Amino acid sequence: MNNIINIIEKIKDILSKELGNKKVLDKDIATALEINYDNFRKQKARNKIPYFEIMSFLAKRNISINWFFFNQLPESLIENTSNYIILKYQKNIIGSAGGGAINYEIDPEPLIIDKQLLNYINSNYKYTEILQVFGESMEPNIKDGSLIFVDKSKKIIKNNNIYVIKVKNEIFIKIIKLKNDKVIFQSLNNIYNDLIFEQSEIEIVGKVSGLITKL
């Protein structure tokens, strides 16, 4: 199912049953998905499916994603969907391991991850998002094109840990060291020089808790 009209009709059916078979309007769907109504109308006109909001809507109601999108009966599933969670994949934000990457747009997409993976890397799933890495300054540990898990609940700086940091409109992925009132951004690749900022100039987005590397 990849047509937003069909998806809207299915959501209407779900909401109608909840409301005692009352008629459901587009504005009711926008409210249920927690989307601004004007934005919802624009997405509908462009046939853009708000996957993350729909998956959150389904999760709150314990409705199978497989059933909703693919008409697959829950009892036919091999894996229990409760073993998985949906994370925000900030596909349009590229964190730079080098000189900093500018955020032109924030429009997250859903990415389904096994809970056991987040437990293994000790990342809080309620606050974890995924970013893509650009650049070679954190190689060999973090390669260009890798996906990193960012735990946004961990904003207190601990020396020699890797963080995602915002400086003005740029995003950096660096080892952080505090020295007096200065913050030092250090790369793993020794051909890159350290960057030094005042503490007032930076904003900690979160701590890097894990990564997925392309082979």
N, C-alpha and C. Protein backbone atom coordinates (compact mmCIF):
# COMPACT_ATOMS: atom_id res chain seq x y z
N MET A 1 0.85 -1.19 0.00
CA MET A 1 0.00 0.00 0.00
C MET A 1 0.89 1.24 0.00
N ASN A 2 0.93 1.99 -1.09
CA ASN A 2 1.79 3.16 -1.14
C ASN A 2 1.03 4.39 -1.61
N ASN A 3 -0.30 4.35 -1.54
CA ASN A 3 -1.12 5.47 -1.94
C ASN A 3 -1.71 6.11 -0.70
N ILE A 4 -1.48 7.41 -0.52
CA ILE A 4 -1.91 8.05 0.71
C ILE A 4 -3.43 8.05 0.87
N ILE A 5 -4.16 8.05 -0.24
CA ILE A 5 -5.62 8.01 -0.17
C ILE A 5 -6.08 6.71 0.49
N ASN A 6 -5.48 5.59 0.06
CA ASN A 6 -5.83 4.30 0.65
C ASN A 6 -5.48 4.25 2.14
N ILE A 7 -4.33 4.83 2.47
CA ILE A 7 -3.89 4.85 3.86
C ILE A 7 -4.83 5.69 4.72
N ILE A 8 -5.26 6.85 4.18
CA ILE A 8 -6.19 7.71 4.91
C ILE A 8 -7.50 6.97 5.17
N GLU A 9 -7.98 6.24 4.18
CA GLU A 9 -9.23 5.50 4.36
C GLU A 9 -9.10 4.44 5.44
N LYS A 10 -7.93 3.81 5.51
CA LYS A 10 -7.73 2.78 6.53
C LYS A 10 -7.68 3.41 7.92
N ILE A 11 -7.05 4.57 8.04
CA ILE A 11 -7.00 5.26 9.32
C ILE A 11 -8.40 5.72 9.71
N LYS A 12 -9.17 6.17 8.73
CA LYS A 12 -10.56 6.58 9.01
C LYS A 12 -11.37 5.42 9.57
N ASP A 13 -11.17 4.23 9.02
CA ASP A 13 -11.88 3.05 9.52
C ASP A 13 -11.53 2.79 10.98
N ILE A 14 -10.23 2.91 11.31
CA ILE A 14 -9.78 2.67 12.68
C ILE A 14 -10.40 3.69 13.64
N LEU A 15 -10.34 4.97 13.25
CA LEU A 15 -10.86 6.04 14.11
C LEU A 15 -12.38 5.96 14.23
N SER A 16 -13.04 5.61 13.13
CA SER A 16 -14.50 5.52 13.14
C SER A 16 -14.97 4.47 14.15
N LYS A 17 -14.29 3.34 14.20
CA LYS A 17 -14.64 2.30 15.17
C LYS A 17 -14.42 2.78 16.60
N GLU A 18 -13.34 3.55 16.79
CA GLU A 18 -13.07 4.08 18.13
C GLU A 18 -14.15 5.07 18.56
N LEU A 19 -14.73 5.78 17.58
CA LEU A 19 -15.71 6.84 17.87
C LEU A 19 -17.15 6.37 17.71
N GLY A 20 -17.34 5.06 17.65
CA GLY A 20 -18.69 4.54 17.53
C GLY A 20 -19.28 4.69 16.15
N ASN A 21 -18.45 4.44 15.15
CA ASN A 21 -18.85 4.50 13.74
C ASN A 21 -19.27 5.90 13.28
N LYS A 22 -18.70 6.92 13.92
CA LYS A 22 -18.97 8.29 13.48
C LYS A 22 -18.13 8.61 12.24
N LYS A 23 -18.60 9.60 11.48
CA LYS A 23 -17.87 10.01 10.29
C LYS A 23 -16.57 10.69 10.70
N VAL A 24 -15.49 10.33 10.02
CA VAL A 24 -14.17 10.87 10.34
C VAL A 24 -13.70 11.75 9.18
N LEU A 25 -13.25 12.95 9.48
CA LEU A 25 -12.78 13.89 8.48
C LEU A 25 -11.25 13.94 8.46
N ASP A 26 -10.71 14.55 7.41
CA ASP A 26 -9.26 14.66 7.29
C ASP A 26 -8.65 15.39 8.50
N LYS A 27 -9.37 16.39 9.01
CA LYS A 27 -8.82 17.14 10.14
C LYS A 27 -8.74 16.25 11.39
N ASP A 28 -9.64 15.26 11.47
CA ASP A 28 -9.59 14.32 12.59
C ASP A 28 -8.36 13.42 12.48
N ILE A 29 -8.04 13.04 11.24
CA ILE A 29 -6.85 12.22 11.02
C ILE A 29 -5.59 13.01 11.35
N ALA A 30 -5.54 14.27 10.92
CA ALA A 30 -4.39 15.12 11.22
C ALA A 30 -4.19 15.23 12.74
N THR A 31 -5.28 15.38 13.47
CA THR A 31 -5.21 15.47 14.93
C THR A 31 -4.70 14.16 15.52
N ALA A 32 -5.22 13.04 15.04
CA ALA A 32 -4.82 11.73 15.55
C ALA A 32 -3.35 11.45 15.28
N LEU A 33 -2.85 11.94 14.14
CA LEU A 33 -1.44 11.73 13.78
C LEU A 33 -0.54 12.79 14.36
N GLU A 34 -1.15 13.79 15.03
CA GLU A 34 -0.40 14.90 15.63
C GLU A 34 0.38 15.67 14.57
N ILE A 35 -0.32 15.95 13.45
CA ILE A 35 0.25 16.73 12.35
C ILE A 35 -0.60 17.98 12.17
N ASN A 36 0.06 19.12 11.99
CA ASN A 36 -0.65 20.35 11.67
C ASN A 36 -1.54 20.12 10.44
N TYR A 37 -2.79 20.57 10.50
CA TYR A 37 -3.74 20.26 9.44
C TYR A 37 -3.29 20.79 8.08
N ASP A 38 -2.74 22.00 8.04
CA ASP A 38 -2.26 22.55 6.77
C ASP A 38 -1.13 21.70 6.20
N ASN A 39 -0.22 21.26 7.08
CA ASN A 39 0.87 20.39 6.62
C ASN A 39 0.33 19.05 6.13
N PHE A 40 -0.68 18.54 6.84
CA PHE A 40 -1.30 17.28 6.42
C PHE A 40 -1.90 17.40 5.02
N ARG A 41 -2.60 18.49 4.75
CA ARG A 41 -3.21 18.70 3.42
C ARG A 41 -2.15 18.78 2.33
N LYS A 42 -1.03 19.43 2.64
CA LYS A 42 0.06 19.52 1.67
C LYS A 42 0.66 18.14 1.39
N GLN A 43 0.85 17.35 2.45
CA GLN A 43 1.38 15.99 2.28
C GLN A 43 0.42 15.15 1.45
N LYS A 44 -0.86 15.31 1.70
CA LYS A 44 -1.86 14.55 0.94
C LYS A 44 -1.82 14.93 -0.53
N ALA A 45 -1.70 16.23 -0.81
CA ALA A 45 -1.66 16.70 -2.20
C ALA A 45 -0.43 16.19 -2.93
N ARG A 46 0.69 16.01 -2.19
CA ARG A 46 1.93 15.53 -2.81
C ARG A 46 2.06 14.01 -2.75
N ASN A 47 1.02 13.34 -2.22
CA ASN A 47 1.05 11.89 -2.02
C ASN A 47 2.26 11.48 -1.17
N LYS A 48 2.57 12.32 -0.17
CA LYS A 48 3.68 12.03 0.74
C LYS A 48 3.12 11.39 2.00
N ILE A 49 3.55 10.18 2.27
CA ILE A 49 3.02 9.41 3.40
C ILE A 49 3.83 9.72 4.66
N PRO A 50 3.19 10.20 5.73
CA PRO A 50 3.91 10.50 6.98
C PRO A 50 4.15 9.22 7.79
N TYR A 51 5.13 8.44 7.36
CA TYR A 51 5.34 7.12 7.94
C TYR A 51 5.58 7.16 9.44
N PHE A 52 6.43 8.06 9.89
CA PHE A 52 6.76 8.07 11.32
C PHE A 52 5.52 8.33 12.17
N GLU A 53 4.72 9.31 11.78
CA GLU A 53 3.51 9.63 12.54
C GLU A 53 2.51 8.48 12.51
N ILE A 54 2.40 7.80 11.35
CA ILE A 54 1.48 6.67 11.24
C ILE A 54 1.94 5.52 12.12
N MET A 55 3.25 5.26 12.13
CA MET A 55 3.77 4.18 12.95
C MET A 55 3.58 4.46 14.44
N SER A 56 3.72 5.72 14.83
CA SER A 56 3.46 6.09 16.22
C SER A 56 1.98 5.90 16.54
N PHE A 57 1.11 6.27 15.62
CA PHE A 57 -0.34 6.08 15.76
C PHE A 57 -0.67 4.60 15.96
N LEU A 58 -0.04 3.75 15.16
CA LEU A 58 -0.29 2.31 15.25
C LEU A 58 0.27 1.73 16.55
N ALA A 59 1.47 2.20 16.93
CA ALA A 59 2.11 1.67 18.14
C ALA A 59 1.25 1.95 19.37
N LYS A 60 0.65 3.14 19.45
CA LYS A 60 -0.18 3.50 20.59
C LYS A 60 -1.40 2.58 20.71
N ARG A 61 -1.83 2.01 19.57
CA ARG A 61 -3.03 1.17 19.55
C ARG A 61 -2.70 -0.31 19.45
N ASN A 62 -1.40 -0.63 19.51
CA ASN A 62 -0.96 -2.03 19.38
C ASN A 62 -1.47 -2.67 18.09
N ILE A 63 -1.47 -1.89 17.02
CA ILE A 63 -1.89 -2.38 15.71
C ILE A 63 -0.66 -2.79 14.91
N SER A 64 -0.70 -3.97 14.33
CA SER A 64 0.45 -4.50 13.59
C SER A 64 0.75 -3.64 12.37
N ILE A 65 2.03 -3.24 12.24
CA ILE A 65 2.47 -2.49 11.07
C ILE A 65 2.31 -3.35 9.81
N ASN A 66 2.61 -4.63 9.94
CA ASN A 66 2.50 -5.53 8.79
C ASN A 66 1.06 -5.64 8.31
N TRP A 67 0.12 -5.70 9.26
CA TRP A 67 -1.28 -5.76 8.87
C TRP A 67 -1.70 -4.47 8.18
N PHE A 68 -1.30 -3.33 8.75
CA PHE A 68 -1.75 -2.04 8.23
C PHE A 68 -1.23 -1.78 6.82
N PHE A 69 0.08 -1.98 6.62
CA PHE A 69 0.68 -1.63 5.33
C PHE A 69 0.61 -2.76 4.30
N PHE A 70 0.62 -4.00 4.76
CA PHE A 70 0.74 -5.12 3.82
C PHE A 70 -0.40 -6.13 3.92
N ASN A 71 -1.41 -5.84 4.77
CA ASN A 71 -2.54 -6.76 4.96
C ASN A 71 -2.09 -8.14 5.42
N GLN A 72 -0.96 -8.19 6.13
CA GLN A 72 -0.45 -9.46 6.63
C GLN A 72 -1.04 -9.72 8.01
N LEU A 73 -1.65 -10.88 8.20
CA LEU A 73 -2.30 -11.20 9.47
C LEU A 73 -1.27 -11.31 10.58
N PRO A 74 -1.56 -10.76 11.76
CA PRO A 74 -0.59 -10.80 12.86
C PRO A 74 -0.11 -12.19 13.21
N GLU A 75 -1.03 -13.20 13.13
CA GLU A 75 -0.62 -14.55 13.51
C GLU A 75 0.34 -15.18 12.50
N SER A 76 0.47 -14.55 11.32
CA SER A 76 1.37 -15.10 10.31
C SER A 76 2.78 -14.55 10.43
N LEU A 77 2.97 -13.62 11.38
CA LEU A 77 4.29 -13.01 11.51
C LEU A 77 5.27 -13.98 12.16
N ILE A 78 6.49 -13.99 11.65
CA ILE A 78 7.52 -14.87 12.22
C ILE A 78 8.05 -14.27 13.51
N GLU A 79 8.29 -12.97 13.51
CA GLU A 79 8.82 -12.30 14.69
C GLU A 79 7.71 -11.50 15.37
N ASN A 80 7.76 -11.43 16.66
CA ASN A 80 6.83 -10.61 17.43
C ASN A 80 7.22 -9.15 17.26
N THR A 81 6.29 -8.34 16.74
CA THR A 81 6.64 -6.95 16.46
C THR A 81 6.98 -6.16 17.72
N SER A 82 6.62 -6.67 18.90
CA SER A 82 6.96 -5.96 20.13
C SER A 82 8.45 -5.98 20.40
N ASN A 83 9.20 -6.82 19.66
CA ASN A 83 10.65 -6.85 19.82
C ASN A 83 11.34 -5.70 19.10
N TYR A 84 10.56 -4.89 18.39
CA TYR A 84 11.14 -3.83 17.57
C TYR A 84 10.58 -2.48 17.98
N ILE A 85 11.36 -1.44 17.75
CA ILE A 85 10.90 -0.08 18.00
C ILE A 85 11.20 0.78 16.78
N ILE A 86 10.55 1.94 16.75
CA ILE A 86 10.72 2.85 15.62
C ILE A 86 11.55 4.04 16.08
N LEU A 87 12.66 4.29 15.41
CA LEU A 87 13.50 5.44 15.72
C LEU A 87 13.39 6.48 14.61
N LYS A 88 13.67 7.73 14.99
CA LYS A 88 13.73 8.79 13.98
C LYS A 88 15.08 8.71 13.26
N TYR A 89 15.03 8.53 11.96
CA TYR A 89 16.24 8.57 11.14
C TYR A 89 16.29 9.94 10.49
N GLN A 90 17.21 10.78 10.95
CA GLN A 90 17.32 12.14 10.43
C GLN A 90 18.07 12.10 9.10
N LYS A 91 17.37 11.63 8.09
CA LYS A 91 18.00 11.36 6.79
C LYS A 91 18.52 12.63 6.13
N ASN A 92 17.88 13.75 6.39
CA ASN A 92 18.28 15.00 5.75
C ASN A 92 19.28 15.80 6.57
N ILE A 93 19.71 15.22 7.70
CA ILE A 93 20.78 15.85 8.49
C ILE A 93 22.00 14.96 8.39
N ILE A 94 23.09 15.51 7.90
CA ILE A 94 24.33 14.74 7.80
C ILE A 94 25.33 15.33 8.80
N GLY A 95 25.71 14.54 9.78
CA GLY A 95 26.69 15.00 10.75
C GLY A 95 28.08 14.88 10.19
N SER A 96 28.86 15.93 10.31
CA SER A 96 30.18 15.92 9.71
C SER A 96 31.24 15.48 10.70
N ALA A 97 32.06 14.52 10.27
CA ALA A 97 33.22 14.13 11.05
C ALA A 97 34.39 15.05 10.73
N GLY A 98 34.17 15.97 9.78
CA GLY A 98 35.23 16.88 9.37
C GLY A 98 34.95 18.30 9.78
N GLY A 99 34.55 19.12 8.81
CA GLY A 99 34.44 20.55 9.07
C GLY A 99 33.08 21.04 9.48
N GLY A 100 32.10 20.14 9.61
CA GLY A 100 30.77 20.60 9.99
C GLY A 100 29.82 20.56 8.82
N ALA A 101 28.61 20.12 9.05
CA ALA A 101 27.60 20.02 8.00
C ALA A 101 26.40 20.87 8.39
N ILE A 102 25.86 21.58 7.42
CA ILE A 102 24.76 22.50 7.69
C ILE A 102 23.43 21.78 7.55
N ASN A 103 22.51 22.06 8.48
CA ASN A 103 21.16 21.50 8.42
C ASN A 103 20.27 22.41 7.58
N TYR A 104 19.85 21.94 6.42
CA TYR A 104 18.95 22.73 5.61
C TYR A 104 17.50 22.36 5.89
N GLU A 105 17.25 21.14 6.32
CA GLU A 105 15.88 20.69 6.53
C GLU A 105 15.89 19.56 7.56
N ILE A 106 14.86 19.53 8.39
CA ILE A 106 14.71 18.44 9.35
C ILE A 106 13.40 17.74 9.02
N ASP A 107 13.49 16.53 8.51
CA ASP A 107 12.31 15.78 8.10
C ASP A 107 12.59 14.31 8.33
N PRO A 108 12.40 13.84 9.59
CA PRO A 108 12.82 12.47 9.91
C PRO A 108 12.00 11.41 9.21
N GLU A 109 12.64 10.28 8.96
CA GLU A 109 11.95 9.10 8.44
C GLU A 109 12.02 8.00 9.50
N PRO A 110 11.08 7.07 9.48
CA PRO A 110 11.11 5.99 10.48
C PRO A 110 12.12 4.91 10.10
N LEU A 111 12.77 4.36 11.11
CA LEU A 111 13.67 3.23 10.90
C LEU A 111 13.39 2.23 12.01
N ILE A 112 13.05 1.00 11.64
CA ILE A 112 12.69 -0.02 12.61
C ILE A 112 13.95 -0.76 13.08
N ILE A 113 14.15 -0.78 14.39
CA ILE A 113 15.37 -1.35 14.98
C ILE A 113 14.99 -2.38 16.04
N ASP A 114 15.76 -3.45 16.12
CA ASP A 114 15.57 -4.45 17.16
C ASP A 114 15.94 -3.85 18.52
N LYS A 115 15.07 -4.01 19.51
CA LYS A 115 15.32 -3.47 20.84
C LYS A 115 16.61 -4.01 21.45
N GLN A 116 16.93 -5.26 21.14
CA GLN A 116 18.12 -5.88 21.73
C GLN A 116 19.39 -5.12 21.33
N LEU A 117 19.37 -4.54 20.12
CA LEU A 117 20.54 -3.79 19.68
C LEU A 117 20.75 -2.57 20.57
N LEU A 118 19.67 -1.83 20.86
CA LEU A 118 19.80 -0.65 21.71
C LEU A 118 20.17 -1.03 23.14
N ASN A 119 19.65 -2.16 23.60
CA ASN A 119 20.04 -2.63 24.94
C ASN A 119 21.53 -2.94 24.98
N TYR A 120 22.03 -3.50 23.90
CA TYR A 120 23.45 -3.88 23.83
C TYR A 120 24.36 -2.65 23.89
N ILE A 121 23.95 -1.57 23.20
CA ILE A 121 24.78 -0.37 23.19
C ILE A 121 24.39 0.60 24.31
N ASN A 122 23.46 0.16 25.17
CA ASN A 122 23.05 0.94 26.34
C ASN A 122 22.56 2.33 25.95
N SER A 123 21.65 2.35 24.97
CA SER A 123 21.10 3.62 24.50
C SER A 123 19.62 3.69 24.85
N ASN A 124 19.19 4.83 25.33
CA ASN A 124 17.80 5.03 25.74
C ASN A 124 16.93 5.19 24.51
N TYR A 125 16.09 4.18 24.22
CA TYR A 125 15.35 4.20 22.96
C TYR A 125 14.37 5.37 22.85
N LYS A 126 13.92 5.91 23.99
CA LYS A 126 12.99 7.04 23.94
C LYS A 126 13.67 8.31 23.43
N TYR A 127 14.99 8.36 23.56
CA TYR A 127 15.73 9.57 23.19
C TYR A 127 16.77 9.33 22.10
N THR A 128 16.75 8.16 21.49
CA THR A 128 17.77 7.82 20.49
C THR A 128 17.30 8.15 19.08
N GLU A 129 18.15 8.82 18.33
CA GLU A 129 17.91 9.10 16.92
C GLU A 129 19.11 8.63 16.11
N ILE A 130 18.93 8.55 14.80
CA ILE A 130 19.98 8.04 13.92
C ILE A 130 20.38 9.11 12.91
N LEU A 131 21.68 9.31 12.76
CA LEU A 131 22.22 10.26 11.79
C LEU A 131 23.23 9.55 10.90
N GLN A 132 23.45 10.11 9.73
CA GLN A 132 24.48 9.60 8.84
C GLN A 132 25.74 10.46 8.97
N VAL A 133 26.89 9.80 8.87
CA VAL A 133 28.18 10.48 9.03
C VAL A 133 28.76 10.83 7.67
N PHE A 134 29.29 12.05 7.59
CA PHE A 134 29.98 12.49 6.37
C PHE A 134 31.41 12.88 6.73
N GLY A 135 32.38 12.38 5.97
CA GLY A 135 33.76 12.76 6.20
C GLY A 135 34.60 11.63 6.77
N GLU A 136 35.92 11.86 6.81
CA GLU A 136 36.87 10.81 7.18
C GLU A 136 37.65 11.10 8.45
N SER A 137 37.31 12.17 9.15
CA SER A 137 38.15 12.56 10.29
C SER A 137 37.99 11.65 11.50
N MET A 138 36.91 10.82 11.52
CA MET A 138 36.75 9.89 12.64
C MET A 138 37.09 8.45 12.25
N GLU A 139 37.71 8.29 11.09
CA GLU A 139 38.18 6.95 10.70
C GLU A 139 39.45 6.63 11.47
N PRO A 140 39.72 5.35 11.75
CA PRO A 140 39.05 4.17 11.19
C PRO A 140 37.81 3.72 11.96
N ASN A 141 37.56 4.29 13.14
CA ASN A 141 36.44 3.80 13.96
C ASN A 141 35.08 4.10 13.35
N ILE A 142 34.90 5.33 12.87
CA ILE A 142 33.62 5.74 12.27
C ILE A 142 33.89 6.13 10.83
N LYS A 143 33.47 5.28 9.90
CA LYS A 143 33.76 5.51 8.50
C LYS A 143 32.73 6.42 7.85
N ASP A 144 33.16 7.07 6.78
CA ASP A 144 32.28 7.92 5.98
C ASP A 144 31.07 7.10 5.52
N GLY A 145 29.85 7.64 5.73
CA GLY A 145 28.64 6.94 5.32
C GLY A 145 28.02 6.07 6.39
N SER A 146 28.68 5.94 7.55
CA SER A 146 28.13 5.14 8.64
C SER A 146 26.87 5.78 9.21
N LEU A 147 26.04 4.96 9.84
CA LEU A 147 24.90 5.46 10.60
C LEU A 147 25.24 5.39 12.07
N ILE A 148 25.01 6.48 12.79
CA ILE A 148 25.33 6.49 14.22
C ILE A 148 24.05 6.63 15.04
N PHE A 149 24.05 5.98 16.21
CA PHE A 149 22.95 6.11 17.17
C PHE A 149 23.33 7.21 18.15
N VAL A 150 22.45 8.20 18.27
CA VAL A 150 22.72 9.35 19.14
C VAL A 150 21.71 9.34 20.29
N ASP A 151 22.21 9.18 21.51
CA ASP A 151 21.36 9.19 22.69
C ASP A 151 21.25 10.64 23.18
N LYS A 152 20.10 11.27 22.91
CA LYS A 152 19.92 12.69 23.22
C LYS A 152 19.66 12.94 24.69
N SER A 153 19.55 11.88 25.48
CA SER A 153 19.38 12.07 26.93
C SER A 153 20.73 12.29 27.61
N LYS A 154 21.83 12.02 26.88
CA LYS A 154 23.16 12.14 27.47
C LYS A 154 23.87 13.38 26.92
N LYS A 155 23.70 14.49 27.64
CA LYS A 155 24.24 15.77 27.19
C LYS A 155 25.35 16.30 28.09
N ILE A 156 25.60 15.60 29.19
CA ILE A 156 26.67 16.04 30.09
C ILE A 156 28.00 15.53 29.54
N ILE A 157 28.93 16.46 29.34
CA ILE A 157 30.20 16.11 28.71
C ILE A 157 31.09 15.31 29.64
N LYS A 158 31.56 14.17 29.14
CA LYS A 158 32.58 13.38 29.82
C LYS A 158 33.76 13.27 28.87
N ASN A 159 34.91 13.64 29.35
CA ASN A 159 36.10 13.69 28.50
C ASN A 159 36.35 12.38 27.76
N ASN A 160 36.76 12.53 26.50
CA ASN A 160 37.17 11.42 25.62
C ASN A 160 36.00 10.57 25.12
N ASN A 161 34.77 11.03 25.30
CA ASN A 161 33.62 10.38 24.68
C ASN A 161 33.28 11.09 23.38
N ILE A 162 32.57 10.37 22.50
CA ILE A 162 32.20 10.93 21.20
C ILE A 162 30.78 11.47 21.27
N TYR A 163 30.63 12.71 20.82
CA TYR A 163 29.33 13.38 20.87
C TYR A 163 28.97 13.95 19.50
N VAL A 164 27.69 14.20 19.34
CA VAL A 164 27.21 15.02 18.23
C VAL A 164 26.99 16.42 18.81
N ILE A 165 27.62 17.40 18.20
CA ILE A 165 27.60 18.75 18.74
C ILE A 165 27.14 19.73 17.67
N LYS A 166 26.34 20.68 18.10
CA LYS A 166 25.88 21.73 17.20
C LYS A 166 26.62 23.02 17.52
N VAL A 167 27.21 23.62 16.48
CA VAL A 167 27.85 24.92 16.62
C VAL A 167 27.21 25.83 15.58
N LYS A 168 26.41 26.76 16.07
CA LYS A 168 25.60 27.61 15.18
C LYS A 168 24.71 26.70 14.32
N ASN A 169 24.90 26.71 13.00
CA ASN A 169 24.05 25.88 12.13
C ASN A 169 24.78 24.63 11.63
N GLU A 170 25.87 24.26 12.30
CA GLU A 170 26.65 23.12 11.84
C GLU A 170 26.63 21.99 12.87
N ILE A 171 26.69 20.76 12.33
CA ILE A 171 26.69 19.57 13.17
C ILE A 171 28.05 18.87 13.06
N PHE A 172 28.66 18.58 14.19
CA PHE A 172 29.95 17.90 14.24
C PHE A 172 29.83 16.58 15.00
N ILE A 173 30.66 15.61 14.62
CA ILE A 173 30.79 14.35 15.36
C ILE A 173 32.25 14.25 15.78
N LYS A 174 32.52 14.42 17.06
CA LYS A 174 33.91 14.50 17.52
C LYS A 174 34.07 13.92 18.92
N ILE A 175 35.32 13.58 19.25
CA ILE A 175 35.70 13.33 20.64
C ILE A 175 35.76 14.70 21.31
N ILE A 176 35.20 14.78 22.51
CA ILE A 176 35.20 16.06 23.23
C ILE A 176 36.11 15.98 24.44
N LYS A 177 36.86 17.07 24.62
CA LYS A 177 37.67 17.23 25.84
C LYS A 177 37.45 18.64 26.38
N LEU A 178 37.26 18.72 27.70
CA LEU A 178 37.12 20.02 28.35
C LEU A 178 38.47 20.43 28.94
N LYS A 179 38.84 21.67 28.70
CA LYS A 179 40.09 22.19 29.25
C LYS A 179 39.84 23.62 29.68
N ASN A 180 39.80 23.83 30.99
CA ASN A 180 39.43 25.12 31.56
C ASN A 180 38.05 25.50 31.05
N ASP A 181 37.92 26.64 30.38
CA ASP A 181 36.62 27.06 29.87
C ASP A 181 36.49 26.78 28.38
N LYS A 182 37.40 25.97 27.84
CA LYS A 182 37.39 25.66 26.41
C LYS A 182 36.88 24.24 26.16
N VAL A 183 36.31 24.04 24.97
CA VAL A 183 35.89 22.71 24.53
C VAL A 183 36.71 22.34 23.31
N ILE A 184 37.40 21.22 23.38
CA ILE A 184 38.27 20.78 22.28
C ILE A 184 37.58 19.66 21.52
N PHE A 185 37.43 19.84 20.21
CA PHE A 185 36.92 18.79 19.32
C PHE A 185 38.11 18.06 18.73
N GLN A 186 38.20 16.77 18.97
CA GLN A 186 39.35 16.00 18.53
C GLN A 186 38.89 14.91 17.56
N SER A 187 39.67 14.71 16.50
CA SER A 187 39.39 13.67 15.51
C SER A 187 40.19 12.42 15.83
N LEU A 188 39.73 11.28 15.33
CA LEU A 188 40.49 10.04 15.45
C LEU A 188 41.56 9.95 14.38
N ASN A 189 41.26 10.52 13.22
CA ASN A 189 42.22 10.57 12.11
C ASN A 189 43.21 11.69 12.40
N ASN A 190 44.48 11.34 12.62
CA ASN A 190 45.46 12.32 13.11
C ASN A 190 45.91 13.34 12.07
N ILE A 191 45.40 13.27 10.85
CA ILE A 191 45.75 14.30 9.86
C ILE A 191 44.87 15.55 10.04
N TYR A 192 43.84 15.43 10.91
CA TYR A 192 42.94 16.56 11.15
C TYR A 192 43.34 17.26 12.45
N ASN A 193 43.35 18.58 12.40
CA ASN A 193 43.69 19.37 13.58
C ASN A 193 42.51 19.48 14.55
N ASP A 194 42.83 19.72 15.81
CA ASP A 194 41.78 19.94 16.79
C ASP A 194 41.05 21.25 16.51
N LEU A 195 39.79 21.29 16.92
CA LEU A 195 39.00 22.52 16.86
C LEU A 195 38.71 22.95 18.29
N ILE A 196 38.79 24.25 18.56
CA ILE A 196 38.61 24.76 19.91
C ILE A 196 37.50 25.80 19.94
N PHE A 197 36.56 25.62 20.89
CA PHE A 197 35.43 26.53 21.01
C PHE A 197 35.25 26.93 22.46
N GLU A 198 34.55 28.04 22.66
CA GLU A 198 34.08 28.40 23.99
C GLU A 198 32.88 27.51 24.32
N GLN A 199 32.69 27.22 25.60
CA GLN A 199 31.55 26.39 25.99
C GLN A 199 30.23 27.03 25.60
N SER A 200 30.18 28.35 25.62
CA SER A 200 28.95 29.06 25.27
C SER A 200 28.61 28.95 23.79
N GLU A 201 29.57 28.52 22.97
CA GLU A 201 29.36 28.46 21.53
C GLU A 201 28.74 27.14 21.08
N ILE A 202 28.76 26.13 21.94
CA ILE A 202 28.34 24.80 21.50
C ILE A 202 27.05 24.35 22.16
N GLU A 203 26.39 23.41 21.51
CA GLU A 203 25.20 22.75 22.07
C GLU A 203 25.35 21.25 21.87
N ILE A 204 25.31 20.50 22.94
CA ILE A 204 25.43 19.04 22.85
C ILE A 204 24.10 18.46 22.38
N VAL A 205 24.12 17.79 21.23
CA VAL A 205 22.92 17.12 20.73
C VAL A 205 22.73 15.81 21.46
N GLY A 206 23.80 15.06 21.64
CA GLY A 206 23.73 13.79 22.34
C GLY A 206 25.02 13.01 22.21
N LYS A 207 25.11 11.93 22.95
CA LYS A 207 26.30 11.09 22.93
C LYS A 207 26.13 9.97 21.89
N VAL A 208 27.20 9.71 21.15
CA VAL A 208 27.18 8.60 20.19
C VAL A 208 27.29 7.29 20.96
N SER A 209 26.26 6.47 20.84
CA SER A 209 26.22 5.23 21.62
C SER A 209 26.50 4.00 20.80
N GLY A 210 26.49 4.11 19.47
CA GLY A 210 26.74 2.98 18.60
C GLY A 210 26.70 3.38 17.15
N LEU A 211 27.05 2.46 16.27
CA LEU A 211 27.04 2.78 14.85
C LEU A 211 26.82 1.54 14.00
N ILE A 212 26.38 1.79 12.78
CA ILE A 212 26.28 0.76 11.76
C ILE A 212 27.19 1.20 10.62
N THR A 213 28.17 0.38 10.29
CA THR A 213 29.18 0.76 9.29
C THR A 213 28.97 0.00 7.99
N LYS A 214 29.11 0.74 6.88
CA LYS A 214 29.07 0.10 5.57
C LYS A 214 30.37 -0.65 5.33
N LEU A 215 30.27 -1.84 4.74
CA LEU A 215 31.48 -2.60 4.42
C LEU A 215 32.04 -2.13 3.09
